[in-house]
Amino acid sequence: PLAIREAIRKDPDAAFGNSRWDADMLAISRH
């Protein structure tokens, strides 16, 4: 989430992941 917010400057509309290391990223996504 830190890298995403720094680069994109907003939370993503959708995020896709396959491991627990993606959970924080998925948690900030609308979908």
PDB file of all heavy atoms in Angstrom:
ATOM      1  N   PRO A   1       0.814  -1.219   0.000  1.00  0.00           N
ATOM      2  CA  PRO A   1       0.000   0.000   0.000  1.00  0.00           C
ATOM      3  C   PRO A   1       0.850   1.273   0.000  1.00  0.00           C
ATOM      4  O   PRO A   1       0.492   2.255  -0.649  1.00  0.00           O
ATOM      5  CB  PRO A   1      -0.816  -0.105   1.289  1.00  0.00           C
ATOM      6  CG  PRO A   1      -0.868  -1.548   1.585  1.00  0.00           C
ATOM      7  CD  PRO A   1       0.441  -2.099   1.095  1.00  0.00           C
ATOM      8  N   LEU A   2       1.976   1.258   0.699  1.00  0.00           N
ATOM      9  CA  LEU A   2       2.858   2.433   0.719  1.00  0.00           C
ATOM     10  C   LEU A   2       3.372   2.744  -0.685  1.00  0.00           C
ATOM     11  O   LEU A   2       3.338   3.901  -1.123  1.00  0.00           O
ATOM     12  CB  LEU A   2       4.036   2.197   1.666  1.00  0.00           C
ATOM     13  CG  LEU A   2       3.703   2.075   3.146  1.00  0.00           C
ATOM     14  CD1 LEU A   2       4.937   1.683   3.947  1.00  0.00           C
ATOM     15  CD2 LEU A   2       3.103   3.363   3.673  1.00  0.00           C
ATOM     16  N   ALA A   3       3.841   1.737  -1.396  1.00  0.00           N
ATOM     17  CA  ALA A   3       4.356   1.936  -2.756  1.00  0.00           C
ATOM     18  C   ALA A   3       3.241   2.418  -3.690  1.00  0.00           C
ATOM     19  O   ALA A   3       3.455   3.325  -4.502  1.00  0.00           O
ATOM     20  CB  ALA A   3       4.973   0.648  -3.284  1.00  0.00           C
ATOM     21  N   ILE A   4       2.069   1.825  -3.567  1.00  0.00           N
ATOM     22  CA  ILE A   4       0.938   2.212  -4.419  1.00  0.00           C
ATOM     23  C   ILE A   4       0.542   3.660  -4.170  1.00  0.00           C
ATOM     24  O   ILE A   4       0.400   4.444  -5.103  1.00  0.00           O
ATOM     25  CB  ILE A   4      -0.268   1.273  -4.179  1.00  0.00           C
ATOM     26  CG1 ILE A   4       0.041  -0.121  -4.738  1.00  0.00           C
ATOM     27  CG2 ILE A   4      -1.543   1.845  -4.790  1.00  0.00           C
ATOM     28  CD1 ILE A   4      -0.933  -1.191  -4.285  1.00  0.00           C
ATOM     29  N   ARG A   5       0.375   4.021  -2.920  1.00  0.00           N
ATOM     30  CA  ARG A   5      -0.054   5.384  -2.604  1.00  0.00           C
ATOM     31  C   ARG A   5       1.004   6.413  -2.993  1.00  0.00           C
ATOM     32  O   ARG A   5       0.662   7.525  -3.400  1.00  0.00           O
ATOM     33  CB  ARG A   5      -0.408   5.476  -1.127  1.00  0.00           C
ATOM     34  CG  ARG A   5      -1.709   4.760  -0.820  1.00  0.00           C
ATOM     35  CD  ARG A   5      -1.986   4.685   0.656  1.00  0.00           C
ATOM     36  NE  ARG A   5      -3.335   4.157   0.910  1.00  0.00           N
ATOM     37  CZ  ARG A   5      -3.671   3.554   2.023  1.00  0.00           C
ATOM     38  NH1 ARG A   5      -2.800   3.385   3.011  1.00  0.00           N
ATOM     39  NH2 ARG A   5      -4.906   3.107   2.185  1.00  0.00           N
ATOM     40  N   GLU A   6       2.271   6.048  -2.878  1.00  0.00           N
ATOM     41  CA  GLU A   6       3.339   6.961  -3.274  1.00  0.00           C
ATOM     42  C   GLU A   6       3.358   7.166  -4.783  1.00  0.00           C
ATOM     43  O   GLU A   6       3.502   8.287  -5.267  1.00  0.00           O
ATOM     44  CB  GLU A   6       4.688   6.408  -2.814  1.00  0.00           C
ATOM     45  CG  GLU A   6       5.860   7.315  -3.141  1.00  0.00           C
ATOM     46  CD  GLU A   6       7.165   6.731  -2.644  1.00  0.00           C
ATOM     47  OE1 GLU A   6       7.354   6.656  -1.413  1.00  0.00           O
ATOM     48  OE2 GLU A   6       7.978   6.320  -3.498  1.00  0.00           O
ATOM     49  N   ALA A   7       3.192   6.106  -5.541  1.00  0.00           N
ATOM     50  CA  ALA A   7       3.270   6.190  -7.006  1.00  0.00           C
ATOM     51  C   ALA A   7       1.974   6.661  -7.650  1.00  0.00           C
ATOM     52  O   ALA A   7       1.995   7.480  -8.563  1.00  0.00           O
ATOM     53  CB  ALA A   7       3.663   4.832  -7.581  1.00  0.00           C
ATOM     54  N   ILE A   8       0.855   6.134  -7.193  1.00  0.00           N
ATOM     55  CA  ILE A   8      -0.421   6.377  -7.855  1.00  0.00           C
ATOM     56  C   ILE A   8      -1.199   7.520  -7.195  1.00  0.00           C
ATOM     57  O   ILE A   8      -2.063   8.122  -7.798  1.00  0.00           O
ATOM     58  CB  ILE A   8      -1.264   5.074  -7.897  1.00  0.00           C
ATOM     59  CG1 ILE A   8      -0.458   3.976  -8.599  1.00  0.00           C
ATOM     60  CG2 ILE A   8      -2.583   5.280  -8.610  1.00  0.00           C
ATOM     61  CD1 ILE A   8      -1.069   2.608  -8.492  1.00  0.00           C
ATOM     62  N   ARG A   9      -0.880   7.765  -5.941  1.00  0.00           N
ATOM     63  CA  ARG A   9      -1.496   8.858  -5.171  1.00  0.00           C
ATOM     64  C   ARG A   9      -2.958   8.628  -4.820  1.00  0.00           C
ATOM     65  O   ARG A   9      -3.694   9.571  -4.542  1.00  0.00           O
ATOM     66  CB  ARG A   9      -1.353  10.194  -5.897  1.00  0.00           C
ATOM     67  CG  ARG A   9       0.039  10.573  -6.257  1.00  0.00           C
ATOM     68  CD  ARG A   9       0.629  11.425  -5.180  1.00  0.00           C
ATOM     69  NE  ARG A   9       1.951  11.869  -5.559  1.00  0.00           N
ATOM     70  CZ  ARG A   9       2.995  11.737  -4.766  1.00  0.00           C
ATOM     71  NH1 ARG A   9       2.855  11.214  -3.590  1.00  0.00           N
ATOM     72  NH2 ARG A   9       4.170  12.157  -5.175  1.00  0.00           N
ATOM     73  N   LYS A  10      -3.401   7.365  -4.889  1.00  0.00           N
ATOM     74  CA  LYS A  10      -4.761   7.026  -4.473  1.00  0.00           C
ATOM     75  C   LYS A  10      -4.831   5.525  -4.250  1.00  0.00           C
ATOM     76  O   LYS A  10      -3.935   4.780  -4.638  1.00  0.00           O
ATOM     77  CB  LYS A  10      -5.795   7.454  -5.512  1.00  0.00           C
ATOM     78  CG  LYS A  10      -5.672   6.721  -6.837  1.00  0.00           C
ATOM     79  CD  LYS A  10      -6.763   7.136  -7.797  1.00  0.00           C
ATOM     80  CE  LYS A  10      -6.699   6.289  -9.054  1.00  0.00           C
ATOM     81  NZ  LYS A  10      -7.855   6.457  -9.897  1.00  0.00           N
ATOM     82  N   ASP A  11      -5.896   5.096  -3.611  1.00  0.00           N
ATOM     83  CA  ASP A  11      -6.110   3.663  -3.439  1.00  0.00           C
ATOM     84  C   ASP A  11      -6.653   3.084  -4.743  1.00  0.00           C
ATOM     85  O   ASP A  11      -7.399   3.753  -5.463  1.00  0.00           O
ATOM     86  CB  ASP A  11      -7.090   3.399  -2.297  1.00  0.00           C
ATOM     87  CG  ASP A  11      -6.491   3.714  -0.929  1.00  0.00           C
ATOM     88  OD1 ASP A  11      -5.249   3.836  -0.826  1.00  0.00           O
ATOM     89  OD2 ASP A  11      -7.259   3.829   0.035  1.00  0.00           O
ATOM     90  N   PRO A  12      -6.290   1.850  -5.045  1.00  0.00           N
ATOM     91  CA  PRO A  12      -6.743   1.263  -6.317  1.00  0.00           C
ATOM     92  C   PRO A  12      -8.229   0.906  -6.305  1.00  0.00           C
ATOM     93  O   PRO A  12      -8.795   0.586  -5.260  1.00  0.00           O
ATOM     94  CB  PRO A  12      -5.894   0.000  -6.436  1.00  0.00           C
ATOM     95  CG  PRO A  12      -5.463  -0.324  -5.055  1.00  0.00           C
ATOM     96  CD  PRO A  12      -5.416   0.966  -4.293  1.00  0.00           C
ATOM     97  N   ASP A  13      -8.821   0.979  -7.481  1.00  0.00           N
ATOM     98  CA  ASP A  13     -10.204   0.529  -7.620  1.00  0.00           C
ATOM     99  C   ASP A  13     -10.285  -0.980  -7.462  1.00  0.00           C
ATOM    100  O   ASP A  13     -11.225  -1.488  -6.864  1.00  0.00           O
ATOM    101  CB  ASP A  13     -10.769   0.935  -8.987  1.00  0.00           C
ATOM    102  CG  ASP A  13     -10.967   2.432  -9.094  1.00  0.00           C
ATOM    103  OD1 ASP A  13     -11.337   3.069  -8.097  1.00  0.00           O
ATOM    104  OD2 ASP A  13     -10.740   2.970 -10.193  1.00  0.00           O
ATOM    105  N   ALA A  14      -9.298  -1.697  -8.019  1.00  0.00           N
ATOM    106  CA  ALA A  14      -9.266  -3.157  -7.923  1.00  0.00           C
ATOM    107  C   ALA A  14      -7.824  -3.598  -7.699  1.00  0.00           C
ATOM    108  O   ALA A  14      -6.889  -2.944  -8.158  1.00  0.00           O
ATOM    109  CB  ALA A  14      -9.807  -3.796  -9.194  1.00  0.00           C
ATOM    110  N   ALA A  15      -7.686  -4.693  -6.973  1.00  0.00           N
ATOM    111  CA  ALA A  15      -6.362  -5.284  -6.761  1.00  0.00           C
ATOM    112  C   ALA A  15      -6.508  -6.797  -6.799  1.00  0.00           C
ATOM    113  O   ALA A  15      -7.549  -7.347  -6.419  1.00  0.00           O
ATOM    114  CB  ALA A  15      -5.768  -4.839  -5.425  1.00  0.00           C
ATOM    115  N   PHE A  16      -5.450  -7.450  -7.251  1.00  0.00           N
ATOM    116  CA  PHE A  16      -5.452  -8.898  -7.397  1.00  0.00           C
ATOM    117  C   PHE A  16      -4.188  -9.437  -6.760  1.00  0.00           C
ATOM    118  O   PHE A  16      -3.103  -8.903  -6.981  1.00  0.00           O
ATOM    119  CB  PHE A  16      -5.506  -9.274  -8.884  1.00  0.00           C
ATOM    120  CG  PHE A  16      -6.646  -8.610  -9.602  1.00  0.00           C
ATOM    121  CD1 PHE A  16      -6.475  -7.363 -10.196  1.00  0.00           C
ATOM    122  CD2 PHE A  16      -7.886  -9.212  -9.648  1.00  0.00           C
ATOM    123  CE1 PHE A  16      -7.530  -6.739 -10.840  1.00  0.00           C
ATOM    124  CE2 PHE A  16      -8.943  -8.592 -10.292  1.00  0.00           C
ATOM    125  CZ  PHE A  16      -8.768  -7.354 -10.882  1.00  0.00           C
ATOM    126  N   GLY A  17      -4.318 -10.490  -5.971  1.00  0.00           N
ATOM    127  CA  GLY A  17      -3.160 -11.067  -5.318  1.00  0.00           C
ATOM    128  C   GLY A  17      -3.330 -12.552  -5.121  1.00  0.00           C
ATOM    129  O   GLY A  17      -4.434 -13.090  -5.246  1.00  0.00           O
ATOM    130  N   ASN A  18      -2.208 -13.218  -4.771  1.00  0.00           N
ATOM    131  CA  ASN A  18      -2.286 -14.668  -4.591  1.00  0.00           C
ATOM    132  C   ASN A  18      -1.660 -15.166  -3.289  1.00  0.00           C
ATOM    133  O   ASN A  18      -1.654 -16.354  -3.040  1.00  0.00           O
ATOM    134  CB  ASN A  18      -1.643 -15.390  -5.784  1.00  0.00           C
ATOM    135  CG  ASN A  18      -0.140 -15.241  -5.822  1.00  0.00           C
ATOM    136  OD1 ASN A  18       0.401 -14.242  -5.355  1.00  0.00           O
ATOM    137  ND2 ASN A  18       0.531 -16.208  -6.379  1.00  0.00           N
ATOM    138  N   SER A  19      -1.142 -14.259  -2.454  1.00  0.00           N
ATOM    139  CA  SER A  19      -0.548 -14.718  -1.193  1.00  0.00           C
ATOM    140  C   SER A  19      -0.872 -13.757  -0.060  1.00  0.00           C
ATOM    141  O   SER A  19      -1.348 -12.641  -0.287  1.00  0.00           O
ATOM    142  CB  SER A  19       0.975 -14.862  -1.334  1.00  0.00           C
ATOM    143  OG  SER A  19       1.603 -13.599  -1.238  1.00  0.00           O
ATOM    144  N   ARG A  20      -0.572 -14.186   1.137  1.00  0.00           N
ATOM    145  CA  ARG A  20      -0.856 -13.337   2.303  1.00  0.00           C
ATOM    146  C   ARG A  20      -0.067 -12.038   2.255  1.00  0.00           C
ATOM    147  O   ARG A  20      -0.445 -11.049   2.863  1.00  0.00           O
ATOM    148  CB  ARG A  20      -0.587 -14.082   3.599  1.00  0.00           C
ATOM    149  CG  ARG A  20       0.859 -14.383   3.856  1.00  0.00           C
ATOM    150  CD  ARG A  20       1.002 -15.205   5.143  1.00  0.00           C
ATOM    151  NE  ARG A  20       2.359 -15.591   5.378  1.00  0.00           N
ATOM    152  CZ  ARG A  20       3.147 -15.004   6.281  1.00  0.00           C
ATOM    153  NH1 ARG A  20       2.677 -14.038   7.031  1.00  0.00           N
ATOM    154  NH2 ARG A  20       4.377 -15.408   6.434  1.00  0.00           N
ATOM    155  N   TRP A  21       1.031 -12.007   1.492  1.00  0.00           N
ATOM    156  CA  TRP A  21       1.831 -10.791   1.359  1.00  0.00           C
ATOM    157  C   TRP A  21       1.108  -9.744   0.517  1.00  0.00           C
ATOM    158  O   TRP A  21       1.542  -8.599   0.439  1.00  0.00           O
ATOM    159  CB  TRP A  21       3.202 -11.118   0.785  1.00  0.00           C
ATOM    160  CG  TRP A  21       3.916 -12.085   1.675  1.00  0.00           C
ATOM    161  CD1 TRP A  21       4.176 -13.395   1.416  1.00  0.00           C
ATOM    162  CD2 TRP A  21       4.385 -11.839   3.005  1.00  0.00           C
ATOM    163  NE1 TRP A  21       4.789 -13.979   2.507  1.00  0.00           N
ATOM    164  CE2 TRP A  21       4.936 -13.045   3.496  1.00  0.00           C
ATOM    165  CE3 TRP A  21       4.399 -10.719   3.835  1.00  0.00           C
ATOM    166  CZ2 TRP A  21       5.494 -13.161   4.759  1.00  0.00           C
ATOM    167  CZ3 TRP A  21       4.960 -10.840   5.097  1.00  0.00           C
ATOM    168  CH2 TRP A  21       5.494 -12.032   5.541  1.00  0.00           C
ATOM    169  N   ASP A  22      -0.015 -10.125  -0.081  1.00  0.00           N
ATOM    170  CA  ASP A  22      -0.848  -9.202  -0.851  1.00  0.00           C
ATOM    171  C   ASP A  22      -2.034  -8.683  -0.034  1.00  0.00           C
ATOM    172  O   ASP A  22      -2.757  -7.806  -0.500  1.00  0.00           O
ATOM    173  CB  ASP A  22      -1.378  -9.898  -2.107  1.00  0.00           C
ATOM    174  CG  ASP A  22      -0.276 -10.301  -3.056  1.00  0.00           C
ATOM    175  OD1 ASP A  22       0.698  -9.535  -3.208  1.00  0.00           O
ATOM    176  OD2 ASP A  22      -0.376 -11.393  -3.644  1.00  0.00           O
ATOM    177  N   ALA A  23      -2.237  -9.210   1.146  1.00  0.00           N
ATOM    178  CA  ALA A  23      -3.432  -8.883   1.935  1.00  0.00           C
ATOM    179  C   ALA A  23      -3.561  -7.393   2.225  1.00  0.00           C
ATOM    180  O   ALA A  23      -4.659  -6.834   2.121  1.00  0.00           O
ATOM    181  CB  ALA A  23      -3.436  -9.685   3.238  1.00  0.00           C
ATOM    182  N   ASP A  24      -2.476  -6.711   2.577  1.00  0.00           N
ATOM    183  CA  ASP A  24      -2.549  -5.277   2.865  1.00  0.00           C
ATOM    184  C   ASP A  24      -2.932  -4.483   1.618  1.00  0.00           C
ATOM    185  O   ASP A  24      -3.680  -3.513   1.697  1.00  0.00           O
ATOM    186  CB  ASP A  24      -1.226  -4.767   3.431  1.00  0.00           C
ATOM    187  CG  ASP A  24      -0.951  -5.276   4.838  1.00  0.00           C
ATOM    188  OD1 ASP A  24      -1.901  -5.341   5.640  1.00  0.00           O
ATOM    189  OD2 ASP A  24       0.210  -5.614   5.122  1.00  0.00           O
ATOM    190  N   MET A  25      -2.412  -4.901   0.465  1.00  0.00           N
ATOM    191  CA  MET A  25      -2.768  -4.250  -0.792  1.00  0.00           C
ATOM    192  C   MET A  25      -4.250  -4.490  -1.105  1.00  0.00           C
ATOM    193  O   MET A  25      -4.973  -3.574  -1.494  1.00  0.00           O
ATOM    194  CB  MET A  25      -1.890  -4.785  -1.925  1.00  0.00           C
ATOM    195  CG  MET A  25      -2.272  -4.297  -3.303  1.00  0.00           C
ATOM    196  SD  MET A  25      -1.276  -5.025  -4.620  1.00  0.00           S
ATOM    197  CE  MET A  25      -1.751  -6.749  -4.537  1.00  0.00           C
ATOM    198  N   LEU A  26      -4.700  -5.710  -0.937  1.00  0.00           N
ATOM    199  CA  LEU A  26      -6.096  -6.032  -1.202  1.00  0.00           C
ATOM    200  C   LEU A  26      -7.024  -5.249  -0.268  1.00  0.00           C
ATOM    201  O   LEU A  26      -8.101  -4.818  -0.677  1.00  0.00           O
ATOM    202  CB  LEU A  26      -6.327  -7.531  -1.055  1.00  0.00           C
ATOM    203  CG  LEU A  26      -5.611  -8.416  -2.076  1.00  0.00           C
ATOM    204  CD1 LEU A  26      -5.749  -9.887  -1.695  1.00  0.00           C
ATOM    205  CD2 LEU A  26      -6.104  -8.166  -3.480  1.00  0.00           C
ATOM    206  N   ALA A  27      -6.577  -5.040   0.964  1.00  0.00           N
ATOM    207  CA  ALA A  27      -7.408  -4.359   1.956  1.00  0.00           C
ATOM    208  C   ALA A  27      -7.678  -2.898   1.608  1.00  0.00           C
ATOM    209  O   ALA A  27      -8.698  -2.343   2.024  1.00  0.00           O
ATOM    210  CB  ALA A  27      -6.759  -4.459   3.331  1.00  0.00           C
ATOM    211  N   ILE A  28      -6.805  -2.253   0.834  1.00  0.00           N
ATOM    212  CA  ILE A  28      -7.026  -0.845   0.486  1.00  0.00           C
ATOM    213  C   ILE A  28      -7.792  -0.684  -0.829  1.00  0.00           C
ATOM    214  O   ILE A  28      -8.116   0.423  -1.231  1.00  0.00           O
ATOM    215  CB  ILE A  28      -5.705  -0.046   0.422  1.00  0.00           C
ATOM    216  CG1 ILE A  28      -4.826  -0.500  -0.740  1.00  0.00           C
ATOM    217  CG2 ILE A  28      -4.976  -0.093   1.755  1.00  0.00           C
ATOM    218  CD1 ILE A  28      -3.675   0.439  -1.070  1.00  0.00           C
ATOM    219  N   SER A  29      -8.085  -1.793  -1.487  1.00  0.00           N
ATOM    220  CA  SER A  29      -8.757  -1.761  -2.775  1.00  0.00           C
ATOM    221  C   SER A  29     -10.278  -1.785  -2.612  1.00  0.00           C
ATOM    222  O   SER A  29     -10.806  -2.454  -1.738  1.00  0.00           O
ATOM    223  CB  SER A  29      -8.311  -2.967  -3.592  1.00  0.00           C
ATOM    224  OG  SER A  29      -9.105  -3.105  -4.742  1.00  0.00           O
ATOM    225  N   ARG A  30     -10.962  -1.086  -3.507  1.00  0.00           N
ATOM    226  CA  ARG A  30     -12.427  -1.139  -3.493  1.00  0.00           C
ATOM    227  C   ARG A  30     -12.942  -2.509  -3.903  1.00  0.00           C
ATOM    228  O   ARG A  30     -13.995  -2.946  -3.460  1.00  0.00           O
ATOM    229  CB  ARG A  30     -13.005  -0.071  -4.435  1.00  0.00           C
ATOM    230  CG  ARG A  30     -12.880   1.318  -3.855  1.00  0.00           C
ATOM    231  CD  ARG A  30     -13.511   2.420  -4.694  1.00  0.00           C
ATOM    232  NE  ARG A  30     -14.601   1.983  -5.538  1.00  0.00           N
ATOM    233  CZ  ARG A  30     -14.883   2.534  -6.705  1.00  0.00           C
ATOM    234  NH1 ARG A  30     -14.157   3.521  -7.188  1.00  0.00           N
ATOM    235  NH2 ARG A  30     -15.900   2.101  -7.427  1.00  0.00           N
ATOM    236  N   HIS A  31     -12.209  -3.184  -4.787  1.00  0.00           N
ATOM    237  CA  HIS A  31     -12.607  -4.491  -5.288  1.00  0.00           C
ATOM    238  C   HIS A  31     -11.417  -5.455  -5.197  1.00  0.00           C
ATOM    239  O   HIS A  31     -10.723  -5.679  -6.191  1.00  0.00           O
ATOM    240  CB  HIS A  31     -13.103  -4.397  -6.734  1.00  0.00           C
ATOM    241  CG  HIS A  31     -14.244  -3.460  -6.913  1.00  0.00           C
ATOM    242  ND1 HIS A  31     -15.524  -3.766  -6.538  1.00  0.00           N
ATOM    243  CD2 HIS A  31     -14.283  -2.187  -7.399  1.00  0.00           C
ATOM    244  CE1 HIS A  31     -16.315  -2.743  -6.798  1.00  0.00           C
ATOM    245  NE2 HIS A  31     -15.586  -1.772  -7.314  1.00  0.00           N
TER     246      HIS A  31
END
